[in-house]
Amino acid sequence: MGSNVIVFGWNRSIPGREKVSGQHFDEFVKYLVGLQQKAAIESFEVVFLDTHGGDFNGFFLLKGETAKLDALVSTTEWTTHMTRASLHLDGAGAIRGVTGREVMERMALWTSVIPS
């Protein structure tokens, strides 16, 4: 059972590194556009959350086939972007997840292991 999304989220730019964050943001969007054009991912969205006092303030949502996402996160380019992000973003991290019918598969698995 695989996952069909990657959520790459962050809290905020580390103070003093805002310009680096802005430049990397532009480069990362171009990278994702290229991945979409090559069909390595199906799509992506960028979400900025409204100010709420929490530590999760924005994210990229990448959608794709499980095998293609597995291949993506194994590349040097992906690892380089994640490493760079960790140097200028507070709370940067990538998480795998599911949407669509995969949610129902996960829910069925979850309910099947609930003790009686």
Protein backbone atom coordinates (compact mmCIF):
# COMPACT_ATOMS: atom_id res chain seq x y z
CA MET A 1 0.00 0.00 0.00
CA GLY A 2 1.65 3.21 -1.14
CA SER A 3 1.09 6.90 -0.80
CA ASN A 4 0.08 9.22 -3.59
CA VAL A 5 1.03 12.60 -2.12
CA ILE A 6 3.98 14.35 -0.55
CA VAL A 7 3.39 17.29 1.76
CA PHE A 8 6.47 19.47 2.11
CA GLY A 9 5.73 21.98 4.86
CA TRP A 10 7.43 24.62 6.94
CA ASN A 11 6.91 27.06 9.78
CA ARG A 12 8.76 30.19 8.62
CA SER A 13 12.05 31.43 7.25
CA ILE A 14 14.83 31.44 9.79
CA PRO A 15 15.38 35.11 10.73
CA GLY A 16 18.08 36.62 8.51
CA ARG A 17 17.59 33.98 5.81
CA GLU A 18 14.41 35.34 4.25
CA LYS A 19 16.08 36.28 0.93
CA VAL A 20 17.55 32.80 0.62
CA SER A 21 14.10 31.34 1.30
CA GLY A 22 12.54 33.52 -1.40
CA GLN A 23 15.16 32.53 -3.96
CA HIS A 24 14.89 28.84 -3.10
CA PHE A 25 11.09 29.03 -3.28
CA ASP A 26 11.32 30.27 -6.88
CA GLU A 27 13.85 27.57 -7.77
CA PHE A 28 11.75 24.85 -6.13
CA VAL A 29 8.62 25.92 -8.04
CA LYS A 30 10.59 25.75 -11.32
CA TYR A 31 11.87 22.31 -10.30
CA LEU A 32 8.30 21.12 -9.65
CA VAL A 33 7.06 22.56 -12.96
CA GLY A 34 9.80 20.55 -14.68
CA LEU A 35 8.79 17.40 -12.81
CA GLN A 36 5.18 17.93 -13.87
CA GLN A 37 6.19 18.47 -17.51
CA LYS A 38 8.19 15.21 -17.40
CA ALA A 39 5.19 13.42 -15.78
CA ALA A 40 7.30 12.57 -12.71
CA ILE A 41 4.46 14.11 -10.66
CA GLU A 42 0.83 14.63 -11.67
CA SER A 43 0.43 18.06 -10.09
CA PHE A 44 1.41 20.32 -7.24
CA GLU A 45 -0.15 23.11 -5.23
CA VAL A 46 1.36 25.72 -2.95
CA VAL A 47 -0.61 26.66 0.15
CA PHE A 48 0.13 29.57 2.48
CA LEU A 49 -1.89 29.33 5.69
CA ASP A 50 -3.37 32.39 7.37
CA THR A 51 -1.66 33.60 10.53
CA HIS A 52 -2.87 31.40 13.38
CA GLY A 53 -0.11 31.29 15.99
CA GLY A 54 0.92 27.78 15.08
CA ASP A 55 4.10 26.26 13.71
CA PHE A 56 2.77 25.03 10.35
CA ASN A 57 2.35 27.98 8.02
CA GLY A 58 2.68 26.72 4.47
CA PHE A 59 3.19 23.68 2.31
CA PHE A 60 3.58 22.23 -1.14
CA LEU A 61 1.23 19.37 -1.98
CA LEU A 62 2.68 17.10 -4.65
CA LYS A 63 0.44 14.45 -6.21
CA GLY A 64 1.57 11.44 -8.18
CA GLU A 65 1.76 7.72 -8.56
CA THR A 66 3.33 5.84 -5.66
CA ALA A 67 6.21 4.42 -7.70
CA LYS A 68 7.01 7.81 -9.23
CA LEU A 69 6.99 9.51 -5.83
CA ASP A 70 9.22 6.76 -4.47
CA ALA A 71 11.65 7.41 -7.31
CA LEU A 72 11.45 11.18 -6.79
CA VAL A 73 12.40 11.14 -3.12
CA SER A 74 15.36 8.90 -3.97
CA THR A 75 16.95 11.46 -6.31
CA THR A 76 19.90 13.66 -5.51
CA GLU A 77 17.91 16.70 -6.70
CA TRP A 78 15.11 16.07 -4.19
CA THR A 79 17.57 15.44 -1.36
CA THR A 80 19.46 18.61 -2.27
CA HIS A 81 16.28 20.72 -2.17
CA MET A 82 15.27 19.23 1.19
CA THR A 83 18.76 19.81 2.62
CA ARG A 84 18.84 23.40 1.37
CA ALA A 85 15.38 24.04 2.82
CA SER A 86 16.50 22.77 6.23
CA LEU A 87 19.20 25.45 6.26
CA HIS A 88 16.83 28.40 5.79
CA LEU A 89 13.39 27.22 6.92
CA ASP A 90 12.31 26.53 10.48
CA GLY A 91 10.34 23.31 10.77
CA ALA A 92 10.88 22.15 7.18
CA GLY A 93 9.87 18.58 6.45
CA ALA A 94 8.33 16.24 3.92
CA ILE A 95 5.62 13.72 4.77
CA ARG A 96 4.04 11.04 2.59
CA GLY A 97 0.28 10.61 2.60
CA VAL A 98 -2.78 9.50 0.68
CA THR A 99 -5.82 11.04 -0.97
CA GLY A 100 -8.76 9.74 -2.99
CA ARG A 101 -9.55 6.04 -2.95
CA GLU A 102 -6.32 5.34 -1.07
CA VAL A 103 -7.95 6.99 1.97
CA MET A 104 -10.64 4.31 1.93
CA GLU A 105 -7.99 1.57 1.62
CA ARG A 106 -6.15 2.99 4.64
CA MET A 107 -9.40 3.32 6.57
CA ALA A 108 -10.26 -0.31 5.79
CA LEU A 109 -6.81 -1.38 7.00
CA TRP A 110 -7.19 0.72 10.15
CA THR A 111 -10.60 -0.70 11.01
CA SER A 112 -9.38 -4.25 10.32
CA VAL A 113 -6.72 -4.02 13.03
CA ILE A 114 -8.88 -2.50 15.76
CA PRO A 115 -8.99 -4.99 18.64
CA SER A 116 -12.40 -6.50 19.32
